[in-house]
Amino acid sequence: VNEALLTVVEKQGGKSREAAESYIEDL
């Protein structure tokens, strides 16, 4: 589920993997 959430943020937010991980960490 965490991997799927990272993918959602990465693709829908137009973010790099690193930026997506940072987004999740901020959540």
PDB file of all heavy atoms in Angstrom:
ATOM      1  N   VAL A   1       0.841  -1.205   0.000  1.00  0.00           N
ATOM      2  CA  VAL A   1       0.000   0.000   0.000  1.00  0.00           C
ATOM      3  C   VAL A   1       0.872   1.249   0.000  1.00  0.00           C
ATOM      4  O   VAL A   1       0.589   2.220  -0.701  1.00  0.00           O
ATOM      5  CB  VAL A   1      -0.961  -0.012   1.211  1.00  0.00           C
ATOM      6  CG1 VAL A   1      -1.590   1.367   1.425  1.00  0.00           C
ATOM      7  CG2 VAL A   1      -2.055  -1.052   1.011  1.00  0.00           C
ATOM      8  N   ASN A   2       1.948   1.236   0.772  1.00  0.00           N
ATOM      9  CA  ASN A   2       2.860   2.378   0.801  1.00  0.00           C
ATOM     10  C   ASN A   2       3.500   2.603  -0.569  1.00  0.00           C
ATOM     11  O   ASN A   2       3.635   3.746  -1.026  1.00  0.00           O
ATOM     12  CB  ASN A   2       3.944   2.151   1.858  1.00  0.00           C
ATOM     13  CG  ASN A   2       4.805   3.382   2.081  1.00  0.00           C
ATOM     14  OD1 ASN A   2       4.365   4.365   2.653  1.00  0.00           O
ATOM     15  ND2 ASN A   2       6.048   3.322   1.611  1.00  0.00           N
ATOM     16  N   GLU A   3       3.885   1.507  -1.227  1.00  0.00           N
ATOM     17  CA  GLU A   3       4.468   1.625  -2.568  1.00  0.00           C
ATOM     18  C   GLU A   3       3.454   2.183  -3.554  1.00  0.00           C
ATOM     19  O   GLU A   3       3.795   3.016  -4.410  1.00  0.00           O
ATOM     20  CB  GLU A   3       4.965   0.254  -3.043  1.00  0.00           C
ATOM     21  CG  GLU A   3       6.262  -0.193  -2.393  1.00  0.00           C
ATOM     22  CD  GLU A   3       7.418   0.739  -2.697  1.00  0.00           C
ATOM     23  OE1 GLU A   3       7.628   1.066  -3.881  1.00  0.00           O
ATOM     24  OE2 GLU A   3       8.101   1.155  -1.743  1.00  0.00           O
ATOM     25  N   ALA A   4       2.196   1.734  -3.439  1.00  0.00           N
ATOM     26  CA  ALA A   4       1.153   2.243  -4.324  1.00  0.00           C
ATOM     27  C   ALA A   4       0.921   3.732  -4.081  1.00  0.00           C
ATOM     28  O   ALA A   4       0.748   4.513  -5.029  1.00  0.00           O
ATOM     29  CB  ALA A   4      -0.149   1.470  -4.095  1.00  0.00           C
ATOM     30  N   LEU A   5       0.949   4.137  -2.814  1.00  0.00           N
ATOM     31  CA  LEU A   5       0.760   5.553  -2.488  1.00  0.00           C
ATOM     32  C   LEU A   5       1.897   6.393  -3.053  1.00  0.00           C
ATOM     33  O   LEU A   5       1.677   7.491  -3.596  1.00  0.00           O
ATOM     34  CB  LEU A   5       0.663   5.720  -0.971  1.00  0.00           C
ATOM     35  CG  LEU A   5       0.316   7.121  -0.469  1.00  0.00           C
ATOM     36  CD1 LEU A   5      -1.049   7.564  -0.976  1.00  0.00           C
ATOM     37  CD2 LEU A   5       0.351   7.164   1.054  1.00  0.00           C
ATOM     38  N   LEU A   6       3.116   5.891  -2.957  1.00  0.00           N
ATOM     39  CA  LEU A   6       4.266   6.591  -3.540  1.00  0.00           C
ATOM     40  C   LEU A   6       4.091   6.752  -5.050  1.00  0.00           C
ATOM     41  O   LEU A   6       4.363   7.825  -5.609  1.00  0.00           O
ATOM     42  CB  LEU A   6       5.554   5.822  -3.246  1.00  0.00           C
ATOM     43  CG  LEU A   6       6.229   6.075  -1.898  1.00  0.00           C
ATOM     44  CD1 LEU A   6       7.310   5.032  -1.634  1.00  0.00           C
ATOM     45  CD2 LEU A   6       6.828   7.475  -1.843  1.00  0.00           C
ATOM     46  N   THR A   7       3.629   5.699  -5.695  1.00  0.00           N
ATOM     47  CA  THR A   7       3.404   5.752  -7.144  1.00  0.00           C
ATOM     48  C   THR A   7       2.339   6.776  -7.501  1.00  0.00           C
ATOM     49  O   THR A   7       2.481   7.532  -8.480  1.00  0.00           O
ATOM     50  CB  THR A   7       2.993   4.361  -7.667  1.00  0.00           C
ATOM     51  OG1 THR A   7       4.031   3.423  -7.375  1.00  0.00           O
ATOM     52  CG2 THR A   7       2.748   4.392  -9.173  1.00  0.00           C
ATOM     53  N   VAL A   8       1.253   6.816  -6.707  1.00  0.00           N
ATOM     54  CA  VAL A   8       0.183   7.791  -6.936  1.00  0.00           C
ATOM     55  C   VAL A   8       0.733   9.213  -6.848  1.00  0.00           C
ATOM     56  O   VAL A   8       0.478  10.058  -7.724  1.00  0.00           O
ATOM     57  CB  VAL A   8      -0.962   7.589  -5.912  1.00  0.00           C
ATOM     58  CG1 VAL A   8      -1.924   8.781  -5.942  1.00  0.00           C
ATOM     59  CG2 VAL A   8      -1.716   6.301  -6.193  1.00  0.00           C
ATOM     60  N   VAL A   9       1.494   9.492  -5.803  1.00  0.00           N
ATOM     61  CA  VAL A   9       2.042  10.835  -5.602  1.00  0.00           C
ATOM     62  C   VAL A   9       3.039  11.179  -6.697  1.00  0.00           C
ATOM     63  O   VAL A   9       3.060  12.301  -7.230  1.00  0.00           O
ATOM     64  CB  VAL A   9       2.694  10.932  -4.208  1.00  0.00           C
ATOM     65  CG1 VAL A   9       3.447  12.247  -4.056  1.00  0.00           C
ATOM     66  CG2 VAL A   9       1.647  10.790  -3.115  1.00  0.00           C
ATOM     67  N   GLU A  10       3.867  10.194  -7.053  1.00  0.00           N
ATOM     68  CA  GLU A  10       4.901  10.405  -8.065  1.00  0.00           C
ATOM     69  C   GLU A  10       4.287  10.746  -9.425  1.00  0.00           C
ATOM     70  O   GLU A  10       4.666  11.737 -10.064  1.00  0.00           O
ATOM     71  CB  GLU A  10       5.753   9.135  -8.167  1.00  0.00           C
ATOM     72  CG  GLU A  10       6.988   9.265  -9.022  1.00  0.00           C
ATOM     73  CD  GLU A  10       7.836   8.002  -8.995  1.00  0.00           C
ATOM     74  OE1 GLU A  10       7.505   7.074  -8.226  1.00  0.00           O
ATOM     75  OE2 GLU A  10       8.811   7.944  -9.755  1.00  0.00           O
ATOM     76  N   LYS A  11       3.299   9.953  -9.846  1.00  0.00           N
ATOM     77  CA  LYS A  11       2.743  10.122 -11.191  1.00  0.00           C
ATOM     78  C   LYS A  11       1.726  11.254 -11.253  1.00  0.00           C
ATOM     79  O   LYS A  11       1.744  12.076 -12.180  1.00  0.00           O
ATOM     80  CB  LYS A  11       2.130   8.810 -11.663  1.00  0.00           C
ATOM     81  CG  LYS A  11       3.168   7.721 -11.902  1.00  0.00           C
ATOM     82  CD  LYS A  11       2.573   6.482 -12.537  1.00  0.00           C
ATOM     83  CE  LYS A  11       3.659   5.459 -12.850  1.00  0.00           C
ATOM     84  NZ  LYS A  11       3.095   4.216 -13.460  1.00  0.00           N
ATOM     85  N   GLN A  12       0.825  11.299 -10.277  1.00  0.00           N
ATOM     86  CA  GLN A  12      -0.215  12.326 -10.329  1.00  0.00           C
ATOM     87  C   GLN A  12       0.324  13.694  -9.935  1.00  0.00           C
ATOM     88  O   GLN A  12      -0.195  14.719 -10.372  1.00  0.00           O
ATOM     89  CB  GLN A  12      -1.372  11.940  -9.399  1.00  0.00           C
ATOM     90  CG  GLN A  12      -2.078  10.658  -9.811  1.00  0.00           C
ATOM     91  CD  GLN A  12      -2.650  10.730 -11.220  1.00  0.00           C
ATOM     92  OE1 GLN A  12      -3.245  11.730 -11.595  1.00  0.00           O
ATOM     93  NE2 GLN A  12      -2.450   9.674 -11.999  1.00  0.00           N
ATOM     94  N   GLY A  13       1.368  13.725  -9.106  1.00  0.00           N
ATOM     95  CA  GLY A  13       1.953  14.996  -8.700  1.00  0.00           C
ATOM     96  C   GLY A  13       3.107  15.438  -9.573  1.00  0.00           C
ATOM     97  O   GLY A  13       3.670  16.529  -9.355  1.00  0.00           O
ATOM     98  N   GLY A  14       3.472  14.602 -10.562  1.00  0.00           N
ATOM     99  CA  GLY A  14       4.592  14.930 -11.440  1.00  0.00           C
ATOM    100  C   GLY A  14       5.884  15.079 -10.684  1.00  0.00           C
ATOM    101  O   GLY A  14       6.698  15.973 -10.949  1.00  0.00           O
ATOM    102  N   LYS A  15       6.124  14.191  -9.725  1.00  0.00           N
ATOM    103  CA  LYS A  15       7.287  14.298  -8.848  1.00  0.00           C
ATOM    104  C   LYS A  15       8.288  13.186  -9.117  1.00  0.00           C
ATOM    105  O   LYS A  15       7.933  12.122  -9.623  1.00  0.00           O
ATOM    106  CB  LYS A  15       6.850  14.230  -7.375  1.00  0.00           C
ATOM    107  CG  LYS A  15       5.848  15.300  -6.951  1.00  0.00           C
ATOM    108  CD  LYS A  15       5.445  15.110  -5.497  1.00  0.00           C
ATOM    109  CE  LYS A  15       4.346  16.072  -5.079  1.00  0.00           C
ATOM    110  NZ  LYS A  15       4.774  17.483  -5.139  1.00  0.00           N
ATOM    111  N   SER A  16       9.515  13.433  -8.750  1.00  0.00           N
ATOM    112  CA  SER A  16      10.526  12.381  -8.782  1.00  0.00           C
ATOM    113  C   SER A  16      10.256  11.418  -7.631  1.00  0.00           C
ATOM    114  O   SER A  16       9.479  11.728  -6.717  1.00  0.00           O
ATOM    115  CB  SER A  16      11.924  12.979  -8.616  1.00  0.00           C
ATOM    116  OG  SER A  16      12.057  13.553  -7.320  1.00  0.00           O
ATOM    117  N   ARG A  17      10.899  10.263  -7.665  1.00  0.00           N
ATOM    118  CA  ARG A  17      10.732   9.302  -6.561  1.00  0.00           C
ATOM    119  C   ARG A  17      11.154   9.936  -5.233  1.00  0.00           C
ATOM    120  O   ARG A  17      10.472   9.787  -4.217  1.00  0.00           O
ATOM    121  CB  ARG A  17      11.582   8.048  -6.847  1.00  0.00           C
ATOM    122  CG  ARG A  17      11.629   7.032  -5.713  1.00  0.00           C
ATOM    123  CD  ARG A  17      10.360   6.243  -5.603  1.00  0.00           C
ATOM    124  NE  ARG A  17      10.444   5.260  -4.523  1.00  0.00           N
ATOM    125  CZ  ARG A  17       9.604   4.242  -4.383  1.00  0.00           C
ATOM    126  NH1 ARG A  17       8.622   4.074  -5.251  1.00  0.00           N
ATOM    127  NH2 ARG A  17       9.733   3.395  -3.372  1.00  0.00           N
ATOM    128  N   GLU A  18      12.257  10.650  -5.252  1.00  0.00           N
ATOM    129  CA  GLU A  18      12.750  11.288  -4.032  1.00  0.00           C
ATOM    130  C   GLU A  18      11.752  12.330  -3.520  1.00  0.00           C
ATOM    131  O   GLU A  18      11.489  12.414  -2.310  1.00  0.00           O
ATOM    132  CB  GLU A  18      14.105  11.943  -4.305  1.00  0.00           C
ATOM    133  CG  GLU A  18      14.766  12.534  -3.067  1.00  0.00           C
ATOM    134  CD  GLU A  18      16.128  13.127  -3.359  1.00  0.00           C
ATOM    135  OE1 GLU A  18      16.588  13.038  -4.520  1.00  0.00           O
ATOM    136  OE2 GLU A  18      16.744  13.684  -2.430  1.00  0.00           O
ATOM    137  N   ALA A  19      11.173  13.114  -4.428  1.00  0.00           N
ATOM    138  CA  ALA A  19      10.205  14.135  -4.023  1.00  0.00           C
ATOM    139  C   ALA A  19       8.923  13.487  -3.497  1.00  0.00           C
ATOM    140  O   ALA A  19       8.300  13.998  -2.555  1.00  0.00           O
ATOM    141  CB  ALA A  19       9.882  15.050  -5.208  1.00  0.00           C
ATOM    142  N   ALA A  20       8.540  12.361  -4.103  1.00  0.00           N
ATOM    143  CA  ALA A  20       7.349  11.645  -3.633  1.00  0.00           C
ATOM    144  C   ALA A  20       7.568  11.104  -2.225  1.00  0.00           C
ATOM    145  O   ALA A  20       6.673  11.164  -1.370  1.00  0.00           O
ATOM    146  CB  ALA A  20       6.997  10.519  -4.593  1.00  0.00           C
ATOM    147  N   GLU A  21       8.766  10.588  -1.989  1.00  0.00           N
ATOM    148  CA  GLU A  21       9.083  10.090  -0.643  1.00  0.00           C
ATOM    149  C   GLU A  21       9.058  11.222   0.373  1.00  0.00           C
ATOM    150  O   GLU A  21       8.595  11.045   1.505  1.00  0.00           O
ATOM    151  CB  GLU A  21      10.455   9.403  -0.656  1.00  0.00           C
ATOM    152  CG  GLU A  21      10.456   8.080  -1.398  1.00  0.00           C
ATOM    153  CD  GLU A  21      11.843   7.469  -1.516  1.00  0.00           C
ATOM    154  OE1 GLU A  21      12.833   8.207  -1.259  1.00  0.00           O
ATOM    155  OE2 GLU A  21      11.953   6.284  -1.865  1.00  0.00           O
ATOM    156  N   SER A  22       9.538  12.391  -0.027  1.00  0.00           N
ATOM    157  CA  SER A  22       9.514  13.556   0.848  1.00  0.00           C
ATOM    158  C   SER A  22       8.071  13.986   1.133  1.00  0.00           C
ATOM    159  O   SER A  22       7.739  14.378   2.263  1.00  0.00           O
ATOM    160  CB  SER A  22      10.289  14.710   0.202  1.00  0.00           C
ATOM    161  OG  SER A  22      10.257  15.854   1.017  1.00  0.00           O
ATOM    162  N   TYR A  23       7.221  13.906   0.121  1.00  0.00           N
ATOM    163  CA  TYR A  23       5.793  14.238   0.263  1.00  0.00           C
ATOM    164  C   TYR A  23       5.137  13.307   1.294  1.00  0.00           C
ATOM    165  O   TYR A  23       4.407  13.754   2.186  1.00  0.00           O
ATOM    166  CB  TYR A  23       5.119  14.087  -1.098  1.00  0.00           C
ATOM    167  CG  TYR A  23       3.654  14.467  -1.163  1.00  0.00           C
ATOM    168  CD1 TYR A  23       3.254  15.716  -1.624  1.00  0.00           C
ATOM    169  CD2 TYR A  23       2.657  13.559  -0.798  1.00  0.00           C
ATOM    170  CE1 TYR A  23       1.907  16.057  -1.717  1.00  0.00           C
ATOM    171  CE2 TYR A  23       1.312  13.888  -0.874  1.00  0.00           C
ATOM    172  CZ  TYR A  23       0.947  15.140  -1.331  1.00  0.00           C
ATOM    173  OH  TYR A  23      -0.389  15.473  -1.414  1.00  0.00           O
ATOM    174  N   ILE A  24       5.434  12.008   1.178  1.00  0.00           N
ATOM    175  CA  ILE A  24       4.873  11.020   2.116  1.00  0.00           C
ATOM    176  C   ILE A  24       5.405  11.267   3.525  1.00  0.00           C
ATOM    177  O   ILE A  24       4.657  11.171   4.511  1.00  0.00           O
ATOM    178  CB  ILE A  24       5.222   9.581   1.662  1.00  0.00           C
ATOM    179  CG1 ILE A  24       4.585   9.281   0.305  1.00  0.00           C
ATOM    180  CG2 ILE A  24       4.767   8.571   2.698  1.00  0.00           C
ATOM    181  CD1 ILE A  24       3.091   9.352   0.263  1.00  0.00           C
ATOM    182  N   GLU A  25       6.684  11.599   3.631  1.00  0.00           N
ATOM    183  CA  GLU A  25       7.272  11.875   4.945  1.00  0.00           C
ATOM    184  C   GLU A  25       6.614  13.088   5.582  1.00  0.00           C
ATOM    185  O   GLU A  25       6.373  13.110   6.805  1.00  0.00           O
ATOM    186  CB  GLU A  25       8.780  12.093   4.804  1.00  0.00           C
ATOM    187  CG  GLU A  25       9.546  12.019   6.112  1.00  0.00           C
ATOM    188  CD  GLU A  25       9.348  10.714   6.841  1.00  0.00           C
ATOM    189  OE1 GLU A  25       9.409   9.640   6.197  1.00  0.00           O
ATOM    190  OE2 GLU A  25       9.113  10.768   8.075  1.00  0.00           O
ATOM    191  N   ASP A  26       6.293  14.085   4.777  1.00  0.00           N
ATOM    192  CA  ASP A  26       5.606  15.271   5.298  1.00  0.00           C
ATOM    193  C   ASP A  26       4.210  14.908   5.792  1.00  0.00           C
ATOM    194  O   ASP A  26       3.742  15.471   6.793  1.00  0.00           O
ATOM    195  CB  ASP A  26       5.521  16.357   4.218  1.00  0.00           C
ATOM    196  CG  ASP A  26       6.863  17.033   3.943  1.00  0.00           C
ATOM    197  OD1 ASP A  26       7.776  16.894   4.788  1.00  0.00           O
ATOM    198  OD2 ASP A  26       6.999  17.658   2.879  1.00  0.00           O
ATOM    199  N   LEU A  27       3.530  13.994   5.097  1.00  0.00           N
ATOM    200  CA  LEU A  27       2.216  13.534   5.564  1.00  0.00           C
ATOM    201  C   LEU A  27       2.339  12.897   6.949  1.00  0.00           C
ATOM    202  O   LEU A  27       1.515  13.136   7.838  1.00  0.00           O
ATOM    203  CB  LEU A  27       1.623  12.511   4.591  1.00  0.00           C
ATOM    204  CG  LEU A  27       1.151  12.996   3.220  1.00  0.00           C
ATOM    205  CD1 LEU A  27       0.590  11.820   2.421  1.00  0.00           C
ATOM    206  CD2 LEU A  27       0.081  14.080   3.349  1.00  0.00           C
TER     207      LEU A  27
END
